[in-house]
Amino acid sequence: MAAENAQIQPGDTVAVWGCGPVSQFAIASAFMLGAARVIAIDRLPQRLALARSLGVITVDYEEDVGVLTALKDLTGGIGPDACIDAVGLEAHSAQLQGTYDKVKVALLMETDRPSVLRQAIQAVRKGGTLSVPGVYGGLLHYQYNVHSGI
């Protein structure tokens, strides 16, 4: 469903945040829908290796140059055609925004860690699609539902 919601077209480049079970299904589905390239972002070596075994380009967000920089480099500066945030409130970040989110959660000022959502929004090409099967259960979820009329 994540790949379908991303409206993947044959030849697209798709970025998937996370390499866990939901992400692995999204990766396989992206290829089934005709994606030419899939880029998976995670930090756990075994998950990255599993994604690579499917023919995916991987980005280790703790060791590489930075997710947004890597995605721009891999897409000629344009950004992926579709981005899938498959981690939701379980997001981790090695950057300053990750520390910011951890502090806000610890102080009960925030219940989600939206660093991946921010990255996906910034990364997707103009006119691209963002699919969010990752679960956001707190303030972000509430704001989205209130403002979208759900």
C-alpha atoms as a PDB file:
ATOM      1  CA  MET A   1       0.000   0.000   0.000  1.00  0.00           C
ATOM      2  CA  ALA A   2       2.897   2.367   0.737  1.00  0.00           C
ATOM      3  CA  ALA A   3       4.249   1.892  -2.783  1.00  0.00           C
ATOM      4  CA  GLU A   4       0.794   2.276  -4.339  1.00  0.00           C
ATOM      5  CA  ASN A   5       0.188   5.481  -2.395  1.00  0.00           C
ATOM      6  CA  ALA A   6       3.554   6.755  -3.644  1.00  0.00           C
ATOM      7  CA  GLN A   7       2.113   6.593  -7.184  1.00  0.00           C
ATOM      8  CA  ILE A   8       5.289   4.963  -8.508  1.00  0.00           C
ATOM      9  CA  GLN A   9       5.630   5.013 -12.288  1.00  0.00           C
ATOM     10  CA  PRO A  10       7.924   2.856 -14.437  1.00  0.00           C
ATOM     11  CA  GLY A  11      11.436   4.308 -14.391  1.00  0.00           C
ATOM     12  CA  ASP A  12      10.991   6.264 -11.134  1.00  0.00           C
ATOM     13  CA  THR A  13      13.606   6.666  -8.436  1.00  0.00           C
ATOM     14  CA  VAL A  14      12.137   5.930  -5.018  1.00  0.00           C
ATOM     15  CA  ALA A  15      13.631   6.667  -1.579  1.00  0.00           C
ATOM     16  CA  VAL A  16      12.491   4.555   1.380  1.00  0.00           C
ATOM     17  CA  TRP A  17      13.311   5.531   4.953  1.00  0.00           C
ATOM     18  CA  GLY A  18      13.919   2.449   7.058  1.00  0.00           C
ATOM     19  CA  CYS A  19      14.901  -1.087   6.115  1.00  0.00           C
ATOM     20  CA  GLY A  20      12.667  -2.974   8.543  1.00  0.00           C
ATOM     21  CA  PRO A  21       9.805  -5.282   7.561  1.00  0.00           C
ATOM     22  CA  VAL A  22       7.414  -2.580   6.318  1.00  0.00           C
ATOM     23  CA  SER A  23      10.212  -0.966   4.341  1.00  0.00           C
ATOM     24  CA  GLN A  24      11.312  -4.268   2.803  1.00  0.00           C
ATOM     25  CA  PHE A  25       7.766  -4.818   1.517  1.00  0.00           C
ATOM     26  CA  ALA A  26       7.670  -1.228   0.216  1.00  0.00           C
ATOM     27  CA  ILE A  27      11.014  -1.774  -1.556  1.00  0.00           C
ATOM     28  CA  ALA A  28       9.861  -4.995  -3.212  1.00  0.00           C
ATOM     29  CA  SER A  29       6.555  -3.376  -4.186  1.00  0.00           C
ATOM     30  CA  ALA A  30       8.341  -0.341  -5.664  1.00  0.00           C
ATOM     31  CA  PHE A  31      10.297  -2.653  -7.949  1.00  0.00           C
ATOM     32  CA  MET A  32       7.109  -4.541  -8.839  1.00  0.00           C
ATOM     33  CA  LEU A  33       5.502  -1.234  -9.853  1.00  0.00           C
ATOM     34  CA  GLY A  34       8.429  -0.488 -12.166  1.00  0.00           C
ATOM     35  CA  ALA A  35      10.809   1.675 -10.150  1.00  0.00           C
ATOM     36  CA  ALA A  36      14.182   1.827 -11.869  1.00  0.00           C
ATOM     37  CA  ARG A  37      16.055   2.599  -8.643  1.00  0.00           C
ATOM     38  CA  VAL A  38      15.248   2.344  -4.982  1.00  0.00           C
ATOM     39  CA  ILE A  39      17.354   4.063  -2.343  1.00  0.00           C
ATOM     40  CA  ALA A  40      16.946   2.790   1.225  1.00  0.00           C
ATOM     41  CA  ILE A  41      18.013   4.768   4.292  1.00  0.00           C
ATOM     42  CA  ASP A  42      18.802   3.134   7.637  1.00  0.00           C
ATOM     43  CA  ARG A  43      21.640   2.657  10.139  1.00  0.00           C
ATOM     44  CA  LEU A  44      21.520  -1.039  11.014  1.00  0.00           C
ATOM     45  CA  PRO A  45      24.050  -3.094   9.012  1.00  0.00           C
ATOM     46  CA  GLN A  46      21.920  -6.240   8.783  1.00  0.00           C
ATOM     47  CA  ARG A  47      18.905  -4.322   7.497  1.00  0.00           C
ATOM     48  CA  LEU A  48      21.016  -2.395   4.988  1.00  0.00           C
ATOM     49  CA  ALA A  49      22.531  -5.677   3.785  1.00  0.00           C
ATOM     50  CA  LEU A  50      19.068  -7.191   3.322  1.00  0.00           C
ATOM     51  CA  ALA A  51      18.005  -4.172   1.276  1.00  0.00           C
ATOM     52  CA  ARG A  52      21.161  -4.403  -0.860  1.00  0.00           C
ATOM     53  CA  SER A  53      20.336  -8.054  -1.547  1.00  0.00           C
ATOM     54  CA  LEU A  54      17.161  -6.784  -3.275  1.00  0.00           C
ATOM     55  CA  GLY A  55      19.216  -4.548  -5.572  1.00  0.00           C
ATOM     56  CA  VAL A  56      18.763  -1.362  -3.569  1.00  0.00           C
ATOM     57  CA  ILE A  57      21.213   1.522  -3.215  1.00  0.00           C
ATOM     58  CA  THR A  58      21.662   2.095   0.513  1.00  0.00           C
ATOM     59  CA  VAL A  59      22.485   5.137   2.606  1.00  0.00           C
ATOM     60  CA  ASP A  60      23.685   4.690   6.196  1.00  0.00           C
ATOM     61  CA  TYR A  61      22.522   7.909   7.809  1.00  0.00           C
ATOM     62  CA  GLU A  62      25.078   7.632  10.614  1.00  0.00           C
ATOM     63  CA  GLU A  63      28.099   7.205   8.344  1.00  0.00           C
ATOM     64  CA  ASP A  64      27.346   8.821   4.992  1.00  0.00           C
ATOM     65  CA  VAL A  65      27.535  12.502   4.013  1.00  0.00           C
ATOM     66  CA  GLY A  66      23.976  13.219   5.068  1.00  0.00           C
ATOM     67  CA  VAL A  67      20.705  11.872   3.756  1.00  0.00           C
ATOM     68  CA  LEU A  68      19.624  14.941   1.789  1.00  0.00           C
ATOM     69  CA  THR A  69      23.072  15.372   0.237  1.00  0.00           C
ATOM     70  CA  ALA A  70      23.247  11.679  -0.677  1.00  0.00           C
ATOM     71  CA  LEU A  71      19.781  11.744  -2.255  1.00  0.00           C
ATOM     72  CA  LYS A  72      20.560  14.880  -4.262  1.00  0.00           C
ATOM     73  CA  ASP A  73      23.852  13.337  -5.441  1.00  0.00           C
ATOM     74  CA  LEU A  74      22.119  10.091  -6.447  1.00  0.00           C
ATOM     75  CA  THR A  75      19.394  11.911  -8.385  1.00  0.00           C
ATOM     76  CA  GLY A  76      21.428  14.572 -10.195  1.00  0.00           C
ATOM     77  CA  GLY A  77      20.234  17.288  -7.809  1.00  0.00           C
ATOM     78  CA  ILE A  78      16.538  16.719  -8.543  1.00  0.00           C
ATOM     79  CA  GLY A  79      15.445  14.447  -5.689  1.00  0.00           C
ATOM     80  CA  PRO A  80      13.569  11.141  -5.777  1.00  0.00           C
ATOM     81  CA  ASP A  81      10.321  10.893  -7.718  1.00  0.00           C
ATOM     82  CA  ALA A  82       8.679   9.311  -4.682  1.00  0.00           C
ATOM     83  CA  CYS A  83       9.605   9.110  -0.999  1.00  0.00           C
ATOM     84  CA  ILE A  84       8.241   6.589   1.504  1.00  0.00           C
ATOM     85  CA  ASP A  85       8.490   7.329   5.235  1.00  0.00           C
ATOM     86  CA  ALA A  86       8.144   3.830   6.684  1.00  0.00           C
ATOM     87  CA  VAL A  87       9.452   4.647  10.170  1.00  0.00           C
ATOM     88  CA  GLY A  88       7.117   7.301  11.599  1.00  0.00           C
ATOM     89  CA  LEU A  89       7.522   8.085  15.279  1.00  0.00           C
ATOM     90  CA  GLU A  90      10.297   5.465  15.546  1.00  0.00           C
ATOM     91  CA  ALA A  91      12.602   7.759  13.556  1.00  0.00           C
ATOM     92  CA  HIS A  92      16.182   8.310  14.631  1.00  0.00           C
ATOM     93  CA  SER A  93      18.572  10.926  13.318  1.00  0.00           C
ATOM     94  CA  ALA A  94      22.306  11.397  13.689  1.00  0.00           C
ATOM     95  CA  GLN A  95      21.937  15.107  12.961  1.00  0.00           C
ATOM     96  CA  LEU A  96      21.140  18.037  15.229  1.00  0.00           C
ATOM     97  CA  GLN A  97      17.414  17.744  14.469  1.00  0.00           C
ATOM     98  CA  GLY A  98      17.474  14.241  15.991  1.00  0.00           C
ATOM     99  CA  THR A  99      18.838  15.609  19.262  1.00  0.00           C
ATOM    100  CA  TYR A 100      16.251  18.395  19.141  1.00  0.00           C
ATOM    101  CA  ASP A 101      13.440  15.848  18.735  1.00  0.00           C
ATOM    102  CA  LYS A 102      14.786  13.644  21.581  1.00  0.00           C
ATOM    103  CA  VAL A 103      14.883  16.618  23.945  1.00  0.00           C
ATOM    104  CA  LYS A 104      11.328  17.651  23.033  1.00  0.00           C
ATOM    105  CA  VAL A 105      10.065  14.092  23.588  1.00  0.00           C
ATOM    106  CA  ALA A 106      11.894  13.868  26.957  1.00  0.00           C
ATOM    107  CA  LEU A 107      10.323  17.163  28.045  1.00  0.00           C
ATOM    108  CA  LEU A 108       6.878  15.941  26.937  1.00  0.00           C
ATOM    109  CA  MET A 109       6.689  18.796  24.418  1.00  0.00           C
ATOM    110  CA  GLU A 110       6.385  16.365  21.521  1.00  0.00           C
ATOM    111  CA  THR A 111       5.350  12.737  21.171  1.00  0.00           C
ATOM    112  CA  ASP A 112       6.709  12.055  17.682  1.00  0.00           C
ATOM    113  CA  ARG A 113      10.178  12.302  16.183  1.00  0.00           C
ATOM    114  CA  PRO A 114       9.444  13.854  12.787  1.00  0.00           C
ATOM    115  CA  SER A 115      13.037  14.048  11.503  1.00  0.00           C
ATOM    116  CA  VAL A 116      12.383  11.513   8.728  1.00  0.00           C
ATOM    117  CA  LEU A 117       9.165  13.238   7.714  1.00  0.00           C
ATOM    118  CA  ARG A 118      11.071  16.524   7.436  1.00  0.00           C
ATOM    119  CA  GLN A 119      13.796  14.856   5.356  1.00  0.00           C
ATOM    120  CA  ALA A 120      11.311  13.191   3.019  1.00  0.00           C
ATOM    121  CA  ILE A 121       9.479  16.476   2.428  1.00  0.00           C
ATOM    122  CA  GLN A 122      12.769  18.236   1.676  1.00  0.00           C
ATOM    123  CA  ALA A 123      14.105  15.402  -0.507  1.00  0.00           C
ATOM    124  CA  VAL A 124      11.218  14.621  -2.867  1.00  0.00           C
ATOM    125  CA  ARG A 125      11.453  16.282  -6.274  1.00  0.00           C
ATOM    126  CA  LYS A 126       9.071  19.077  -7.186  1.00  0.00           C
ATOM    127  CA  GLY A 127       5.764  17.473  -8.108  1.00  0.00           C
ATOM    128  CA  GLY A 128       6.869  14.161  -6.548  1.00  0.00           C
ATOM    129  CA  THR A 129       4.878  12.052  -4.128  1.00  0.00           C
ATOM    130  CA  LEU A 130       5.353  11.364  -0.424  1.00  0.00           C
ATOM    131  CA  SER A 131       3.795   8.227   1.088  1.00  0.00           C
ATOM    132  CA  VAL A 132       3.669   7.893   4.872  1.00  0.00           C
ATOM    133  CA  PRO A 133       2.833   4.383   6.101  1.00  0.00           C
ATOM    134  CA  GLY A 134       4.943   5.089   9.209  1.00  0.00           C
ATOM    135  CA  VAL A 135       2.789   5.753  12.244  1.00  0.00           C
ATOM    136  CA  TYR A 136       2.672   9.159  13.904  1.00  0.00           C
ATOM    137  CA  GLY A 137       0.569   8.882  17.015  1.00  0.00           C
ATOM    138  CA  GLY A 138       0.832  12.174  18.820  1.00  0.00           C
ATOM    139  CA  LEU A 139       0.695  15.865  18.035  1.00  0.00           C
ATOM    140  CA  LEU A 140       1.544  15.483  14.335  1.00  0.00           C
ATOM    141  CA  HIS A 141      -1.256  12.941  13.902  1.00  0.00           C
ATOM    142  CA  TYR A 142      -3.717  15.236  15.653  1.00  0.00           C
ATOM    143  CA  GLN A 143      -2.724  18.297  13.621  1.00  0.00           C
ATOM    144  CA  TYR A 144      -2.904  16.397  10.320  1.00  0.00           C
ATOM    145  CA  ASN A 145      -6.357  15.006  11.069  1.00  0.00           C
ATOM    146  CA  VAL A 146      -7.759  18.334  12.286  1.00  0.00           C
ATOM    147  CA  HIS A 147      -6.389  20.353   9.364  1.00  0.00           C
ATOM    148  CA  SER A 148      -7.272  17.812   6.690  1.00  0.00           C
ATOM    149  CA  GLY A 149     -10.770  17.319   8.028  1.00  0.00           C
ATOM    150  CA  ILE A 150     -10.325  13.626   8.850  1.00  0.00           C
END
